[in-house]
Amino acid sequence: MDVNNLRVMSVKTTFRKETTIPLVLSSITLTCAYCNKKVTGDAVRKKFDDKDYFFCCHTCQDEFEKKYMKLLVKA
């Protein structure tokens, strides 16, 4: 068996886990874990204790994290 064509490609980009999820072209509807509003645009995802939470913005994510940490300290 002879090789007629050979293509060599180098991969220069690395996989990066995104913290936002684009919902514009999706039929998925998410509710913010902090303010309970419908998430429009890109959702922000954060994992707490191996569970994914979704937020409408980084401000809600930060406020949720503060509240979450306070509850952990009290436990």
N, C-alpha and C. Protein backbone atom coordinates (compact mmCIF):
# COMPACT_ATOMS: atom_id res chain seq x y z
N MET A 1 0.84 -1.17 0.00
CA MET A 1 0.00 0.00 0.00
C MET A 1 0.89 1.24 0.00
N ASP A 2 0.70 2.11 -0.94
CA ASP A 2 1.48 3.34 -1.07
C ASP A 2 0.69 4.51 -0.49
N VAL A 3 1.42 5.47 0.04
CA VAL A 3 0.80 6.70 0.53
C VAL A 3 0.89 7.74 -0.57
N ASN A 4 -0.27 8.22 -1.01
CA ASN A 4 -0.30 9.21 -2.08
C ASN A 4 -0.35 10.64 -1.55
N ASN A 5 -1.05 10.81 -0.47
CA ASN A 5 -1.20 12.15 0.11
C ASN A 5 -0.92 12.08 1.60
N LEU A 6 -0.28 13.09 2.11
CA LEU A 6 0.00 13.18 3.53
C LEU A 6 -0.18 14.63 3.93
N ARG A 7 -0.97 14.86 4.95
CA ARG A 7 -1.21 16.23 5.43
C ARG A 7 -0.77 16.30 6.88
N VAL A 8 0.08 17.25 7.19
CA VAL A 8 0.55 17.46 8.55
C VAL A 8 -0.04 18.78 9.02
N MET A 9 -0.72 18.73 10.18
CA MET A 9 -1.32 19.93 10.75
C MET A 9 -0.85 20.07 12.18
N SER A 10 -0.48 21.26 12.55
CA SER A 10 -0.10 21.49 13.95
C SER A 10 -1.26 22.18 14.66
N VAL A 11 -1.49 21.78 15.87
CA VAL A 11 -2.55 22.38 16.69
C VAL A 11 -1.88 23.35 17.64
N LYS A 12 -2.27 24.61 17.52
CA LYS A 12 -1.63 25.64 18.33
C LYS A 12 -2.54 26.20 19.40
N THR A 13 -3.81 25.93 19.31
CA THR A 13 -4.71 26.44 20.32
C THR A 13 -4.95 25.38 21.38
N THR A 14 -5.12 25.81 22.61
CA THR A 14 -5.39 24.88 23.70
C THR A 14 -6.83 25.01 24.13
N PHE A 15 -7.35 23.96 24.70
CA PHE A 15 -8.72 23.97 25.21
C PHE A 15 -8.76 24.75 26.50
N ARG A 16 -9.71 25.65 26.60
CA ARG A 16 -9.88 26.43 27.82
C ARG A 16 -11.32 26.32 28.25
N LYS A 17 -11.55 25.95 29.48
CA LYS A 17 -12.90 25.83 30.00
C LYS A 17 -13.48 27.22 30.19
N GLU A 18 -14.53 27.52 29.48
CA GLU A 18 -15.16 28.82 29.55
C GLU A 18 -16.05 28.94 30.79
N THR A 19 -16.16 30.16 31.31
CA THR A 19 -17.05 30.39 32.44
C THR A 19 -18.39 30.94 31.99
N THR A 20 -18.52 31.27 30.71
CA THR A 20 -19.80 31.73 30.19
C THR A 20 -20.32 30.73 29.18
N ILE A 21 -21.63 30.70 29.07
CA ILE A 21 -22.29 29.78 28.15
C ILE A 21 -23.19 30.60 27.22
N PRO A 22 -22.94 30.59 25.92
CA PRO A 22 -23.78 31.37 25.00
C PRO A 22 -25.16 30.74 24.86
N LEU A 23 -26.19 31.53 25.10
CA LEU A 23 -27.56 31.02 25.03
C LEU A 23 -28.36 31.64 23.89
N VAL A 24 -27.76 32.55 23.16
CA VAL A 24 -28.48 33.30 22.14
C VAL A 24 -29.14 32.38 21.11
N LEU A 25 -28.43 31.41 20.60
CA LEU A 25 -28.96 30.53 19.57
C LEU A 25 -29.49 29.22 20.14
N SER A 26 -29.68 29.16 21.43
CA SER A 26 -30.10 27.92 22.09
C SER A 26 -31.55 28.03 22.55
N SER A 27 -32.20 26.89 22.66
CA SER A 27 -33.57 26.87 23.17
C SER A 27 -33.58 26.64 24.68
N ILE A 28 -32.40 26.59 25.30
CA ILE A 28 -32.29 26.39 26.75
C ILE A 28 -32.64 27.68 27.47
N THR A 29 -33.42 27.57 28.52
CA THR A 29 -33.74 28.71 29.36
C THR A 29 -33.18 28.45 30.74
N LEU A 30 -32.38 29.39 31.24
CA LEU A 30 -31.80 29.26 32.58
C LEU A 30 -32.30 30.39 33.46
N THR A 31 -32.36 30.10 34.76
CA THR A 31 -32.73 31.09 35.75
C THR A 31 -31.52 31.35 36.63
N CYS A 32 -31.24 32.60 36.92
CA CYS A 32 -30.10 32.97 37.75
C CYS A 32 -30.26 32.38 39.15
N ALA A 33 -29.21 31.74 39.66
CA ALA A 33 -29.24 31.11 40.98
C ALA A 33 -29.28 32.14 42.10
N TYR A 34 -28.96 33.39 41.81
CA TYR A 34 -28.97 34.42 42.85
C TYR A 34 -30.23 35.28 42.81
N CYS A 35 -30.54 35.87 41.65
CA CYS A 35 -31.67 36.82 41.59
C CYS A 35 -32.94 36.20 41.00
N ASN A 36 -32.85 34.96 40.51
CA ASN A 36 -33.99 34.22 39.94
C ASN A 36 -34.56 34.82 38.66
N LYS A 37 -33.84 35.71 38.03
CA LYS A 37 -34.29 36.26 36.76
C LYS A 37 -33.88 35.32 35.63
N LYS A 38 -34.59 35.42 34.51
CA LYS A 38 -34.24 34.63 33.33
C LYS A 38 -32.90 35.12 32.79
N VAL A 39 -32.01 34.18 32.50
CA VAL A 39 -30.70 34.52 31.98
C VAL A 39 -30.82 34.81 30.49
N THR A 40 -30.41 36.00 30.09
CA THR A 40 -30.38 36.37 28.67
C THR A 40 -28.93 36.62 28.29
N GLY A 41 -28.60 36.41 27.06
CA GLY A 41 -27.21 36.57 26.64
C GLY A 41 -26.39 35.37 27.08
N ASP A 42 -25.21 35.62 27.62
CA ASP A 42 -24.33 34.55 28.05
C ASP A 42 -24.50 34.29 29.54
N ALA A 43 -24.70 33.03 29.90
CA ALA A 43 -24.80 32.64 31.30
C ALA A 43 -23.41 32.50 31.89
N VAL A 44 -23.29 32.84 33.15
CA VAL A 44 -22.03 32.65 33.88
C VAL A 44 -22.19 31.39 34.72
N ARG A 45 -21.21 30.48 34.62
CA ARG A 45 -21.29 29.21 35.35
C ARG A 45 -20.21 29.17 36.42
N LYS A 46 -20.59 28.70 37.61
CA LYS A 46 -19.64 28.53 38.70
C LYS A 46 -19.99 27.24 39.43
N LYS A 47 -18.98 26.48 39.81
CA LYS A 47 -19.19 25.21 40.49
C LYS A 47 -18.93 25.39 41.99
N PHE A 48 -19.88 24.96 42.79
CA PHE A 48 -19.74 24.94 44.24
C PHE A 48 -20.06 23.52 44.70
N ASP A 49 -19.15 22.91 45.44
CA ASP A 49 -19.33 21.54 45.94
C ASP A 49 -19.80 20.58 44.85
N ASP A 50 -19.11 20.60 43.73
CA ASP A 50 -19.37 19.70 42.60
C ASP A 50 -20.74 19.88 41.96
N LYS A 51 -21.38 21.02 42.17
CA LYS A 51 -22.65 21.32 41.54
C LYS A 51 -22.51 22.61 40.74
N ASP A 52 -22.99 22.61 39.50
CA ASP A 52 -22.92 23.80 38.65
C ASP A 52 -24.09 24.73 38.97
N TYR A 53 -23.77 26.01 39.12
CA TYR A 53 -24.77 27.05 39.30
C TYR A 53 -24.62 28.02 38.14
N PHE A 54 -25.74 28.60 37.71
CA PHE A 54 -25.73 29.53 36.58
C PHE A 54 -26.26 30.88 37.02
N PHE A 55 -25.64 31.93 36.48
CA PHE A 55 -25.96 33.30 36.88
C PHE A 55 -26.13 34.17 35.65
N CYS A 56 -26.88 35.27 35.82
CA CYS A 56 -27.11 36.18 34.70
C CYS A 56 -25.93 37.12 34.48
N CYS A 57 -25.09 37.31 35.51
CA CYS A 57 -23.94 38.21 35.40
C CYS A 57 -22.92 37.86 36.48
N HIS A 58 -21.74 38.46 36.36
CA HIS A 58 -20.69 38.20 37.33
C HIS A 58 -21.01 38.80 38.70
N THR A 59 -21.79 39.87 38.72
CA THR A 59 -22.20 40.48 40.00
C THR A 59 -23.04 39.50 40.80
N CYS A 60 -24.02 38.86 40.17
CA CYS A 60 -24.85 37.87 40.87
C CYS A 60 -24.00 36.68 41.31
N GLN A 61 -23.04 36.28 40.48
CA GLN A 61 -22.16 35.18 40.86
C GLN A 61 -21.36 35.55 42.10
N ASP A 62 -20.81 36.77 42.14
CA ASP A 62 -20.02 37.21 43.29
C ASP A 62 -20.87 37.28 44.56
N GLU A 63 -22.08 37.81 44.45
CA GLU A 63 -22.97 37.91 45.61
C GLU A 63 -23.38 36.52 46.11
N PHE A 64 -23.67 35.62 45.18
CA PHE A 64 -24.01 34.24 45.55
C PHE A 64 -22.84 33.59 46.29
N GLU A 65 -21.62 33.80 45.78
CA GLU A 65 -20.44 33.20 46.39
C GLU A 65 -20.23 33.73 47.81
N LYS A 66 -20.43 35.03 48.02
CA LYS A 66 -20.31 35.61 49.36
C LYS A 66 -21.31 34.96 50.32
N LYS A 67 -22.56 34.86 49.87
CA LYS A 67 -23.62 34.27 50.69
C LYS A 67 -23.32 32.79 50.96
N TYR A 68 -22.85 32.08 49.94
CA TYR A 68 -22.53 30.66 50.05
C TYR A 68 -21.41 30.45 51.07
N MET A 69 -20.38 31.28 51.00
CA MET A 69 -19.25 31.15 51.92
C MET A 69 -19.66 31.44 53.37
N LYS A 70 -20.54 32.43 53.57
CA LYS A 70 -21.04 32.71 54.91
C LYS A 70 -21.79 31.51 55.47
N LEU A 71 -22.60 30.86 54.64
CA LEU A 71 -23.33 29.68 55.10
C LEU A 71 -22.40 28.52 55.42
N LEU A 72 -21.32 28.38 54.67
CA LEU A 72 -20.34 27.33 54.96
C LEU A 72 -19.64 27.56 56.30
N VAL A 73 -19.34 28.81 56.60
CA VAL A 73 -18.67 29.15 57.85
C VAL A 73 -19.58 28.84 59.05
N LYS A 74 -20.88 29.11 58.89
CA LYS A 74 -21.84 28.87 59.97
C LYS A 74 -22.11 27.39 60.19
N ALA A 75 -21.90 26.58 59.16
CA ALA A 75 -22.21 25.15 59.26
C ALA A 75 -21.23 24.38 60.12
